[in-house]
Amino acid sequence: MGRSKKSGLAKTRAKSIALAATVFLIPALLLIAVYIIYPIIDTFLISGYKWNGISSNRTFIGLENWMNLIKDKLFWSAFGHNLVVMVFSILLQIPIGMMLATFLDAGGKKFNLFKTIWFLPYLMSSVAIAFLFTYALATNGGLFSALGTLIKGQKVTVDLLGKSPNALFAVIGVMAWQFTPFYMVYFIAGYGNIDTTVYEAAVIDGATRVDYIRYIAIPLLGPIFKTACTMSLIGSLRYFDLIWNMTQGGPVGSTELMATYMYKLSFQQFNMGYGSCVAAGMFILITVIALLFQKVFVVKEDY
């Protein structure tokens, strides 16, 4: 009799928890459905039409946009630029963020001022950063031109945003400057999750700070590395605002990314059907690359 009462109470409790969870999840699920799932589905649907994005008349053309996308050299060139941005974002932002976090973790509260100063770039608007560096990297009166003139003793012009491939790598550097602080804080949180007794035990065993970082901290931060790389990968494949405000894809398409190409098609050329096809292609490529990365980048999570 007692067991049946307990099982009945357990079932009632489980039902009440499930009901409460459902009630709290419904608003979030509705927002996800309206602002994420529906736009993705609608993008794929619009990709099957020839439409200027304004007129009520849409002409269904089936897979014609997709066939054009497969043969579109501009799209694949933009995708190649995205891959370059992706590789250098991971190679720059993750290691530098890790080094800054290691420095701050070693210093403790004494280095809180550095933590605040180094995090400031991430708090700034991408548009503001774009305008700041557009003037800082300008050919005439820019920072590098001024330094070159000062060192050489005569007028020097350094064109970083007006030539290929200088422009792409200049923008990559600005991206690294803006987003590295995010990964710095991310790794600081990772260091905070490592039990201090692990470091103390390593010191007692004769390990130096470098030995601790190399053989203990970095392996323990493996899951953090994987997540950080995944976020950097996905973010670099959908960059838009910073590069649009700095170069708008120029010069001569040398900094064109998939997102800027899609924007030009949809909102400057009013080719919404093909622009939606490009956006859908972006979604597929980003999803495939992210899944492949998750499959290939395997880290041990339990030690």
Protein backbone atom coordinates (compact mmCIF):
# COMPACT_ATOMS: atom_id res chain seq x y z
CA MET A 1 0.00 0.00 0.00
CA GLY A 2 2.84 2.37 0.97
CA ARG A 3 4.71 1.65 -2.26
CA SER A 4 1.67 2.41 -4.42
CA LYS A 5 1.21 5.74 -2.62
CA LYS A 6 4.88 6.62 -3.22
CA SER A 7 4.67 5.71 -6.90
CA GLY A 8 1.45 7.73 -7.21
CA LEU A 9 3.12 10.76 -5.59
CA ALA A 10 6.15 10.34 -7.87
CA LYS A 11 3.93 10.27 -10.97
CA THR A 12 2.02 13.34 -9.78
CA ARG A 13 5.27 15.18 -9.11
CA ALA A 14 6.66 14.21 -12.53
CA LYS A 15 3.46 15.46 -14.24
CA SER A 16 3.58 18.77 -12.37
CA ILE A 17 7.26 19.25 -13.30
CA ALA A 18 6.51 18.43 -16.96
CA LEU A 19 3.57 20.87 -16.93
CA ALA A 20 5.67 23.64 -15.38
CA ALA A 21 8.49 23.00 -17.87
CA THR A 22 6.01 23.15 -20.77
CA VAL A 23 4.51 26.43 -19.55
CA PHE A 24 7.94 28.06 -19.24
CA LEU A 25 9.20 26.65 -22.56
CA ILE A 26 6.21 27.68 -24.70
CA PRO A 27 7.16 31.42 -24.93
CA ALA A 28 10.75 30.56 -25.86
CA LEU A 29 9.63 27.96 -28.41
CA LEU A 30 7.21 30.46 -29.96
CA LEU A 31 9.96 33.06 -30.32
CA ILE A 32 12.30 30.47 -31.86
CA ALA A 33 9.56 29.38 -34.27
CA VAL A 34 8.69 32.95 -35.32
CA TYR A 35 12.17 34.48 -35.50
CA ILE A 36 14.37 31.51 -36.48
CA ILE A 37 12.49 28.53 -37.95
CA TYR A 38 9.94 30.48 -40.01
CA PRO A 39 12.53 32.84 -41.64
CA ILE A 40 14.71 29.86 -42.61
CA ILE A 41 11.78 28.02 -44.19
CA ASP A 42 10.55 31.20 -45.92
CA THR A 43 14.06 31.87 -47.30
CA PHE A 44 14.12 28.45 -48.95
CA LEU A 45 10.62 29.03 -50.35
CA ILE A 46 11.48 32.47 -51.79
CA SER A 47 14.61 30.99 -53.39
CA GLY A 48 12.29 29.23 -55.84
CA TYR A 49 10.89 32.51 -57.20
CA LYS A 50 11.96 35.41 -59.37
CA TRP A 51 10.96 38.41 -57.24
CA ASN A 52 12.17 41.95 -56.63
CA GLY A 53 11.11 41.91 -52.97
CA ILE A 54 8.54 44.70 -53.42
CA SER A 55 5.99 43.68 -56.03
CA SER A 56 3.16 41.35 -55.09
CA ASN A 57 3.80 39.38 -58.29
CA ARG A 58 6.25 36.53 -57.86
CA THR A 59 7.18 34.17 -60.67
CA PHE A 60 7.89 30.59 -59.70
CA ILE A 61 11.04 29.36 -61.45
CA GLY A 62 11.73 26.17 -59.50
CA LEU A 63 15.43 25.32 -59.12
CA GLU A 64 16.70 27.89 -61.62
CA ASN A 65 18.18 30.09 -58.89
CA TRP A 66 19.94 27.09 -57.38
CA MET A 67 21.39 26.07 -60.73
CA ASN A 68 22.69 29.62 -61.20
CA LEU A 69 24.14 29.60 -57.69
CA ILE A 70 26.14 26.44 -58.38
CA LYS A 71 27.73 28.17 -61.41
CA ASP A 72 28.07 31.61 -59.76
CA LYS A 73 31.80 32.44 -59.59
CA LEU A 74 31.14 35.55 -57.47
CA PHE A 75 29.39 33.48 -54.81
CA TRP A 76 32.17 30.89 -54.64
CA SER A 77 34.78 33.64 -54.57
CA ALA A 78 32.93 35.20 -51.60
CA PHE A 79 32.79 31.75 -49.97
CA GLY A 80 36.56 31.44 -50.45
CA HIS A 81 37.05 34.80 -48.71
CA ASN A 82 34.84 33.56 -45.87
CA LEU A 83 37.07 30.49 -45.51
CA VAL A 84 40.17 32.70 -45.32
CA VAL A 85 38.48 34.83 -42.66
CA MET A 86 37.44 31.66 -40.80
CA VAL A 87 40.97 30.19 -40.74
CA PHE A 88 42.67 33.40 -39.64
CA SER A 89 39.95 34.18 -37.08
CA ILE A 90 40.58 30.84 -35.38
CA LEU A 91 44.38 31.16 -35.67
CA LEU A 92 44.43 34.70 -34.27
CA GLN A 93 41.51 35.15 -31.90
CA ILE A 94 41.64 31.82 -30.02
CA PRO A 95 45.41 31.69 -29.22
CA ILE A 96 45.64 35.40 -28.36
CA GLY A 97 42.50 35.16 -26.20
CA MET A 98 44.04 32.13 -24.47
CA MET A 99 47.34 33.95 -23.83
CA LEU A 100 45.59 37.02 -22.41
CA ALA A 101 43.42 34.81 -20.19
CA THR A 102 46.51 32.93 -18.96
CA PHE A 103 48.21 36.22 -18.11
CA LEU A 104 45.16 37.49 -16.22
CA ASP A 105 44.65 34.18 -14.42
CA ALA A 106 48.25 34.23 -13.22
CA GLY A 107 47.93 37.80 -11.95
CA GLY A 108 44.59 37.36 -10.19
CA LYS A 109 42.79 40.46 -8.90
CA LYS A 110 45.91 42.61 -9.39
CA PHE A 111 45.30 42.54 -13.15
CA ASN A 112 41.61 43.50 -13.10
CA LEU A 113 42.48 46.83 -14.73
CA PHE A 114 43.98 44.98 -17.72
CA LYS A 115 40.87 42.83 -17.92
CA THR A 116 38.66 45.92 -18.15
CA ILE A 117 40.83 47.72 -20.72
CA TRP A 118 41.30 44.68 -22.95
CA PHE A 119 37.57 43.94 -22.97
CA LEU A 120 36.62 47.44 -24.20
CA PRO A 121 36.91 46.67 -27.97
CA TYR A 122 34.22 43.99 -27.67
CA LEU A 123 31.84 46.49 -26.06
CA MET A 124 32.12 48.89 -28.99
CA SER A 125 29.66 48.87 -31.89
CA SER A 126 30.91 47.15 -35.04
CA VAL A 127 29.84 50.20 -37.05
CA ALA A 128 31.83 52.53 -34.79
CA ILE A 129 34.89 50.26 -35.03
CA ALA A 130 34.54 50.15 -38.82
CA PHE A 131 34.54 53.95 -39.11
CA LEU A 132 37.40 54.24 -36.59
CA PHE A 133 39.66 51.88 -38.52
CA THR A 134 38.60 53.25 -41.91
CA TYR A 135 40.22 56.53 -40.87
CA ALA A 136 43.08 54.84 -38.98
CA LEU A 137 44.01 52.76 -42.05
CA ALA A 138 43.39 55.50 -44.61
CA THR A 139 46.02 55.94 -47.33
CA ASN A 140 46.35 59.67 -46.66
CA GLY A 141 46.71 60.61 -43.00
CA GLY A 142 46.22 57.08 -41.70
CA LEU A 143 48.21 55.59 -38.85
CA PHE A 144 50.54 53.43 -40.97
CA SER A 145 51.10 56.16 -43.54
CA ALA A 146 51.95 58.61 -40.74
CA LEU A 147 54.37 56.13 -39.12
CA GLY A 148 56.01 55.40 -42.48
CA THR A 149 56.42 59.12 -43.14
CA LEU A 150 57.88 59.64 -39.66
CA ILE A 151 60.39 56.77 -40.02
CA LYS A 152 61.45 57.49 -43.61
CA GLY A 153 61.51 61.26 -43.31
CA GLN A 154 59.42 61.77 -46.46
CA LYS A 155 55.80 61.30 -47.46
CA VAL A 156 54.82 57.60 -47.49
CA THR A 157 51.40 56.24 -48.44
CA VAL A 158 50.40 52.81 -47.16
CA ASP A 159 47.25 51.57 -48.91
CA LEU A 160 45.76 48.79 -46.79
CA LEU A 161 42.07 49.04 -47.71
CA GLY A 162 42.42 49.94 -51.39
CA LYS A 163 44.41 46.99 -52.72
CA SER A 164 44.03 43.22 -52.87
CA PRO A 165 44.89 41.16 -50.82
CA ASN A 166 45.85 43.87 -48.31
CA ALA A 167 42.22 44.85 -47.72
CA LEU A 168 41.05 41.38 -46.68
CA PHE A 169 43.89 40.87 -44.22
CA ALA A 170 43.47 44.39 -42.83
CA VAL A 171 39.80 43.65 -42.13
CA ILE A 172 40.74 40.29 -40.56
CA GLY A 173 43.08 42.17 -38.21
CA VAL A 174 40.29 44.54 -37.18
CA MET A 175 37.97 41.57 -36.58
CA ALA A 176 40.61 39.98 -34.36
CA TRP A 177 41.00 43.24 -32.42
CA GLN A 178 37.25 43.38 -31.78
CA PHE A 179 36.46 39.75 -30.95
CA THR A 180 39.59 38.47 -29.18
CA PRO A 181 38.41 39.96 -25.83
CA PHE A 182 35.33 37.72 -25.98
CA TYR A 183 37.50 34.60 -26.12
CA MET A 184 39.75 36.05 -23.43
CA VAL A 185 36.80 36.20 -21.03
CA TYR A 186 35.66 32.77 -22.21
CA PHE A 187 39.02 31.22 -21.30
CA ILE A 188 39.12 33.12 -18.00
CA ALA A 189 35.83 31.39 -17.15
CA GLY A 190 37.42 28.09 -18.19
CA TYR A 191 40.38 28.68 -15.86
CA GLY A 192 37.91 29.47 -13.09
CA ASN A 193 36.36 26.02 -13.47
CA ILE A 194 39.70 24.29 -12.84
CA ASP A 195 40.01 23.37 -9.18
CA THR A 196 42.83 25.32 -7.52
CA THR A 197 43.97 22.14 -5.78
CA VAL A 198 45.05 20.82 -9.20
CA TYR A 199 47.56 23.67 -9.54
CA GLU A 200 48.69 23.29 -5.93
CA ALA A 201 49.27 19.56 -6.41
CA ALA A 202 51.25 20.26 -9.60
CA VAL A 203 53.46 22.79 -7.79
CA ILE A 204 54.09 20.33 -4.95
CA ASP A 205 55.17 17.77 -7.57
CA GLY A 206 57.70 20.26 -8.93
CA ALA A 207 55.82 21.57 -11.97
CA THR A 208 56.49 25.11 -13.12
CA ARG A 209 53.75 27.49 -14.27
CA VAL A 210 54.59 26.65 -17.90
CA ASP A 211 54.40 22.90 -17.17
CA TYR A 212 51.03 23.39 -15.49
CA ILE A 213 49.64 25.31 -18.47
CA ARG A 214 51.06 22.92 -21.06
CA TYR A 215 50.33 19.56 -19.47
CA ILE A 216 47.34 20.26 -17.21
CA ALA A 217 45.44 23.46 -18.00
CA ILE A 218 45.34 23.18 -21.80
CA PRO A 219 44.10 19.53 -21.79
CA LEU A 220 41.46 20.46 -19.19
CA LEU A 221 40.41 23.41 -21.36
CA GLY A 222 39.88 21.12 -24.37
CA PRO A 223 36.05 21.45 -24.38
CA ILE A 224 36.45 25.24 -24.06
CA PHE A 225 38.76 25.27 -27.09
CA LYS A 226 36.28 23.24 -29.11
CA THR A 227 33.34 25.50 -28.28
CA ALA A 228 35.39 28.67 -28.87
CA CYS A 229 36.59 27.40 -32.26
CA THR A 230 33.03 26.46 -33.23
CA MET A 231 31.73 29.92 -32.34
CA SER A 232 34.59 31.60 -34.21
CA LEU A 233 33.98 29.35 -37.23
CA ILE A 234 30.25 30.08 -37.42
CA GLY A 235 30.74 33.79 -36.73
CA SER A 236 33.41 34.19 -39.42
CA LEU A 237 31.16 32.56 -42.03
CA ARG A 238 28.41 35.11 -41.44
CA TYR A 239 30.36 38.34 -40.91
CA PHE A 240 28.62 41.38 -42.37
CA ASP A 241 28.40 44.71 -40.53
CA LEU A 242 32.11 45.35 -39.91
CA ILE A 243 33.29 44.52 -43.41
CA TRP A 244 30.31 46.26 -45.05
CA ASN A 245 31.04 49.53 -43.30
CA MET A 246 34.79 49.31 -44.00
CA THR A 247 34.97 48.16 -47.63
CA GLN A 248 31.47 47.12 -48.85
CA GLY A 249 33.16 44.10 -50.41
CA GLY A 250 35.74 46.13 -52.34
CA PRO A 251 38.14 46.81 -53.83
CA VAL A 252 36.97 44.86 -56.90
CA GLY A 253 35.32 42.19 -54.75
CA SER A 254 38.53 41.32 -52.86
CA THR A 255 36.72 41.49 -49.49
CA GLU A 256 33.35 40.28 -50.72
CA LEU A 257 31.80 37.80 -48.28
CA MET A 258 28.68 35.67 -48.71
CA ALA A 259 26.66 38.00 -46.48
CA THR A 260 27.70 41.18 -48.34
CA TYR A 261 27.02 39.49 -51.68
CA MET A 262 23.58 38.44 -50.49
CA TYR A 263 22.84 41.98 -49.25
CA LYS A 264 23.80 43.55 -52.59
CA LEU A 265 21.62 41.12 -54.53
CA SER A 266 18.60 41.52 -52.25
CA PHE A 267 18.60 45.20 -51.29
CA GLN A 268 20.65 46.99 -53.95
CA GLN A 269 19.82 45.00 -57.09
CA PHE A 270 16.35 44.02 -55.77
CA ASN A 271 16.84 40.41 -56.83
CA MET A 272 15.21 38.99 -53.72
CA GLY A 273 14.68 35.52 -55.16
CA TYR A 274 18.33 34.95 -55.98
CA GLY A 275 19.41 36.78 -52.81
CA SER A 276 17.30 34.34 -50.80
CA CYS A 277 18.96 31.49 -52.67
CA VAL A 278 22.38 32.84 -51.66
CA ALA A 279 21.18 33.14 -48.04
CA ALA A 280 19.90 29.56 -48.14
CA GLY A 281 23.20 28.43 -49.64
CA MET A 282 25.01 30.20 -46.79
CA PHE A 283 22.84 28.36 -44.27
CA ILE A 284 23.62 24.98 -45.85
CA LEU A 285 27.37 25.62 -46.10
CA ILE A 286 27.66 26.96 -42.54
CA THR A 287 25.68 24.02 -41.16
CA VAL A 288 27.75 21.45 -43.07
CA ILE A 289 31.08 23.00 -42.07
CA ALA A 290 30.03 23.30 -38.42
CA LEU A 291 28.88 19.66 -38.32
CA LEU A 292 32.10 18.46 -39.99
CA PHE A 293 34.14 20.49 -37.52
CA GLN A 294 32.26 18.96 -34.59
CA LYS A 295 32.90 15.50 -36.04
CA VAL A 296 36.61 16.03 -36.72
CA PHE A 297 37.53 18.10 -33.63
CA VAL A 298 37.16 15.49 -30.90
CA VAL A 299 38.38 16.32 -27.41
CA LYS A 300 38.47 14.27 -24.23
CA GLU A 301 36.05 15.80 -21.75
CA ASP A 302 36.64 13.59 -18.72
CA TYR A 303 39.99 13.28 -16.97
